[in-house]
Amino acid sequence: MSASVRNRRALTALFAAGALALSLGACSSSSDSGTSSSSPSASAASSAAMSGSSTASAAAAAGQPFGAACAAVPKDGAGSFTGMAQDPVATAASNNPLLSTLVAAVKQAGLVDTLNSAQNITVFAPTNDAFAKIPKADLDALLADKAKLTKVLTYHVTPEKLAPTSLAGTHKTLEGSDLTVTGSTPDFTVNSNSKVLCGNVQTANATVYIVDTVLMPTS
């Protein structure tokens, strides 16, 4: 067999192999396209959820507040995130309309100066709605009992600043007993029943986590 014949046969074999590869690639692409288009809504929902979680995690990592309720915080003025960062925690809370019941309780217990003068603390701050969950007679009795009120309020404070990355776990409170936080950014729960609504809020001397249920010490 001549060399030219052998070369022609080799080229023919190469072209045939290339055509087969192109055909297989087209089939594979068509199959993948059909699969991905079968559930666009599920894919979009998953992407949106991942994006929301990633955004909250990125905000926390950058030292920014996170959580759905953060949108209810004033955009400017003394009660805004920027304004609260300039004042010690009790003063900062007094400028935030979400926390007026808490502020009244802190004043009733005589803890304003204590909280404002403390350094590097974390405060779990119940919203007005959190206090509204307590039956009125029970809340009135609590507000009238300074010793018990002080115990409850100091149970909401830890003597160290807790960043979102170190929030999950068990922490000693100023009241003396422990509280436990589970979850991860942006979904944290305190003592299994109090959700963090807006977290990583900075004041001049504290990190604040706004919660939806008042925390009660076990003893």
Protein backbone atom coordinates (compact mmCIF):
# COMPACT_ATOMS: atom_id res chain seq x y z
CA MET A 1 0.00 0.00 0.00
CA SER A 2 1.39 3.40 -0.97
CA ALA A 3 2.10 6.13 1.60
CA SER A 4 -0.49 8.46 0.00
CA VAL A 5 -3.23 5.85 0.40
CA ARG A 6 -2.33 5.26 4.00
CA ASN A 7 -2.42 9.04 4.68
CA ARG A 8 -5.87 9.39 3.07
CA ARG A 9 -7.23 6.54 5.20
CA ALA A 10 -5.77 8.07 8.37
CA LEU A 11 -7.34 11.46 7.59
CA THR A 12 -10.69 9.81 6.92
CA ALA A 13 -10.56 8.07 10.30
CA LEU A 14 -9.71 11.35 12.06
CA PHE A 15 -12.64 13.19 10.43
CA ALA A 16 -15.01 10.38 11.38
CA ALA A 17 -13.85 10.50 15.01
CA GLY A 18 -14.28 14.29 15.09
CA ALA A 19 -17.79 14.06 13.70
CA LEU A 20 -18.71 11.46 16.33
CA ALA A 21 -17.34 13.65 19.14
CA LEU A 22 -19.31 16.68 17.90
CA SER A 23 -22.48 14.61 17.67
CA LEU A 24 -22.06 13.31 21.24
CA GLY A 25 -21.34 16.83 22.53
CA ALA A 26 -24.50 18.19 20.91
CA CYS A 27 -26.60 15.44 22.48
CA SER A 28 -25.09 16.08 25.89
CA SER A 29 -25.71 19.84 25.62
CA SER A 30 -29.30 19.27 24.57
CA SER A 31 -29.88 16.90 27.49
CA ASP A 32 -28.35 19.32 30.02
CA SER A 33 -30.42 22.18 28.63
CA GLY A 34 -33.60 20.19 29.00
CA THR A 35 -32.78 19.24 32.56
CA SER A 36 -31.96 22.76 33.70
CA SER A 37 -35.08 24.23 32.13
CA SER A 38 -37.37 21.74 33.82
CA SER A 39 -37.43 23.57 37.18
CA PRO A 40 -36.53 27.27 36.71
CA SER A 41 -38.71 28.43 39.64
CA ALA A 42 -37.05 26.08 42.12
CA SER A 43 -33.63 27.18 40.91
CA ALA A 44 -34.57 30.86 41.23
CA ALA A 45 -35.99 30.39 44.74
CA SER A 46 -32.87 28.56 45.84
CA SER A 47 -30.66 31.28 44.37
CA ALA A 48 -32.71 34.00 46.09
CA ALA A 49 -32.49 32.26 49.47
CA MET A 50 -28.76 31.76 49.11
CA SER A 51 -28.36 35.39 48.06
CA GLY A 52 -30.32 36.67 51.09
CA SER A 53 -28.33 34.53 53.51
CA SER A 54 -25.07 35.53 51.85
CA THR A 55 -26.01 39.22 52.05
CA ALA A 56 -26.78 38.95 55.78
CA SER A 57 -23.58 37.01 56.43
CA ALA A 58 -21.57 39.56 54.45
CA ALA A 59 -23.18 42.40 56.43
CA ALA A 60 -22.35 40.72 59.73
CA ALA A 61 -18.79 40.02 58.61
CA ALA A 62 -18.42 43.70 57.70
CA GLY A 63 -19.64 44.76 61.14
CA GLN A 64 -23.05 45.86 59.87
CA PRO A 65 -26.45 45.12 61.47
CA PHE A 66 -28.39 42.20 60.01
CA GLY A 67 -31.95 40.90 60.22
CA ALA A 68 -35.42 41.63 58.83
CA ALA A 69 -36.39 44.00 61.66
CA CYS A 70 -33.41 46.26 60.98
CA ALA A 71 -35.59 47.92 58.34
CA ALA A 72 -37.79 49.32 61.13
CA VAL A 73 -34.89 51.22 62.70
CA PRO A 74 -34.93 54.95 61.80
CA LYS A 75 -32.73 55.80 58.82
CA ASP A 76 -31.26 58.90 60.42
CA GLY A 77 -31.14 60.81 63.68
CA ALA A 78 -30.23 59.65 67.18
CA GLY A 79 -32.27 56.44 66.84
CA SER A 80 -30.59 55.33 63.63
CA PHE A 81 -27.70 52.85 63.55
CA THR A 82 -25.25 55.71 63.08
CA GLY A 83 -26.82 57.69 65.91
CA MET A 84 -26.92 54.73 68.31
CA ALA A 85 -23.23 54.07 67.69
CA GLN A 86 -22.43 57.47 69.21
CA ASP A 87 -24.18 56.89 72.56
CA PRO A 88 -23.80 54.39 75.42
CA VAL A 89 -26.32 51.59 75.29
CA ALA A 90 -29.10 52.81 77.62
CA THR A 91 -29.07 56.25 75.98
CA ALA A 92 -28.93 54.71 72.51
CA ALA A 93 -31.92 52.47 73.28
CA SER A 94 -33.92 55.45 74.54
CA ASN A 95 -33.68 56.95 71.04
CA ASN A 96 -34.97 53.81 69.33
CA PRO A 97 -38.80 53.59 69.11
CA LEU A 98 -38.68 49.77 69.03
CA LEU A 99 -37.27 49.67 72.56
CA SER A 100 -39.34 52.17 74.58
CA THR A 101 -40.76 49.56 76.98
CA LEU A 102 -37.28 48.20 77.65
CA VAL A 103 -36.03 51.71 78.36
CA ALA A 104 -38.89 52.30 80.81
CA ALA A 105 -38.01 49.04 82.59
CA VAL A 106 -34.31 49.96 82.76
CA LYS A 107 -35.20 53.33 84.28
CA GLN A 108 -37.60 51.67 86.75
CA ALA A 109 -34.82 49.34 87.89
CA GLY A 110 -32.31 52.18 88.20
CA LEU A 111 -29.91 50.55 85.71
CA VAL A 112 -29.35 53.43 83.29
CA ASP A 113 -26.00 54.49 84.75
CA THR A 114 -24.91 50.88 85.26
CA LEU A 115 -25.47 50.00 81.61
CA ASN A 116 -24.10 53.27 80.27
CA SER A 117 -20.87 52.99 82.26
CA ALA A 118 -20.19 49.30 81.53
CA GLN A 119 -17.61 48.53 78.89
CA ASN A 120 -17.66 45.96 76.08
CA ILE A 121 -20.96 44.30 76.90
CA THR A 122 -23.64 42.55 74.85
CA VAL A 123 -27.31 43.39 75.37
CA PHE A 124 -30.20 41.25 74.18
CA ALA A 125 -32.87 43.92 73.83
CA PRO A 126 -36.54 42.84 73.79
CA THR A 127 -38.83 44.90 71.55
CA ASN A 128 -42.04 46.51 72.73
CA ASP A 129 -43.91 43.58 71.17
CA ALA A 130 -41.78 41.17 73.21
CA PHE A 131 -42.93 42.81 76.45
CA ALA A 132 -46.51 42.83 75.13
CA LYS A 133 -46.41 39.01 75.08
CA ILE A 134 -46.31 39.06 78.89
CA PRO A 135 -49.81 39.25 80.43
CA LYS A 136 -50.42 42.81 81.64
CA ALA A 137 -50.91 41.82 85.28
CA ASP A 138 -47.62 39.90 85.25
CA LEU A 139 -45.76 42.74 83.53
CA ASP A 140 -47.14 45.31 85.99
CA ALA A 141 -46.05 43.07 88.89
CA LEU A 142 -42.58 42.70 87.39
CA LEU A 143 -42.18 46.46 86.92
CA ALA A 144 -43.27 47.03 90.51
CA ASP A 145 -40.72 44.57 91.94
CA LYS A 146 -37.34 46.27 91.57
CA ALA A 147 -35.28 43.28 92.73
CA LYS A 148 -36.99 40.87 90.35
CA LEU A 149 -36.92 43.41 87.51
CA THR A 150 -33.18 43.94 88.01
CA LYS A 151 -32.66 40.18 87.90
CA VAL A 152 -34.57 39.85 84.64
CA LEU A 153 -32.90 42.82 82.96
CA THR A 154 -29.34 41.85 83.94
CA TYR A 155 -30.07 38.38 82.53
CA HIS A 156 -30.20 40.10 79.14
CA VAL A 157 -26.61 41.33 79.44
CA THR A 158 -23.31 39.49 79.02
CA PRO A 159 -20.03 41.01 80.24
CA GLU A 160 -18.32 40.65 76.87
CA LYS A 161 -18.97 41.90 73.35
CA LEU A 162 -20.24 39.05 71.21
CA ALA A 163 -19.72 39.37 67.47
CA PRO A 164 -22.01 37.30 65.22
CA THR A 165 -19.18 34.82 64.67
CA SER A 166 -18.99 34.09 68.42
CA LEU A 167 -22.67 34.48 69.30
CA ALA A 168 -23.69 30.82 69.13
CA GLY A 169 -22.91 29.05 72.41
CA THR A 170 -23.51 29.38 76.13
CA HIS A 171 -22.71 32.70 77.80
CA LYS A 172 -22.64 33.88 81.41
CA THR A 173 -24.88 36.88 82.09
CA LEU A 174 -24.57 39.75 84.56
CA GLU A 175 -27.44 38.15 86.48
CA GLY A 176 -25.15 35.18 87.15
CA SER A 177 -26.77 32.35 85.20
CA ASP A 178 -26.25 31.30 81.60
CA LEU A 179 -28.14 31.85 78.39
CA THR A 180 -27.68 29.80 75.23
CA VAL A 181 -27.70 30.99 71.65
CA THR A 182 -28.15 28.61 68.73
CA GLY A 183 -28.08 29.08 64.96
CA SER A 184 -25.94 31.14 62.62
CA THR A 185 -26.18 34.43 60.76
CA PRO A 186 -28.85 35.61 60.16
CA ASP A 187 -30.99 33.10 62.11
CA PHE A 188 -30.12 33.08 65.81
CA THR A 189 -32.37 31.93 68.67
CA VAL A 190 -31.77 32.63 72.36
CA ASN A 191 -32.85 30.00 74.91
CA SER A 192 -34.80 28.14 72.23
CA ASN A 193 -37.65 30.66 72.09
CA SER A 194 -36.39 34.20 71.50
CA LYS A 195 -35.49 35.07 67.91
CA VAL A 196 -32.89 37.69 67.02
CA LEU A 197 -34.75 40.18 64.83
CA CYS A 198 -31.95 42.65 64.24
CA GLY A 199 -28.41 41.84 65.30
CA ASN A 200 -24.96 43.33 65.56
CA VAL A 201 -26.24 46.82 66.37
CA GLN A 202 -23.38 48.88 67.74
CA THR A 203 -23.50 51.46 70.51
CA ALA A 204 -20.58 53.29 72.11
CA ASN A 205 -20.06 50.54 74.71
CA ALA A 206 -22.12 47.53 73.62
CA THR A 207 -23.24 45.23 70.86
CA VAL A 208 -27.03 44.88 70.78
CA TYR A 209 -29.17 42.01 69.51
CA ILE A 210 -32.85 42.97 69.31
CA VAL A 211 -35.02 39.96 70.23
CA ASP A 212 -38.71 39.10 69.99
CA THR A 213 -39.23 37.53 73.45
CA VAL A 214 -38.24 38.63 76.96
CA LEU A 215 -35.66 36.26 78.46
CA MET A 216 -36.41 34.88 81.90
CA PRO A 217 -33.71 33.47 84.22
CA THR A 218 -34.42 29.95 85.40
CA SER A 219 -33.84 30.73 89.07
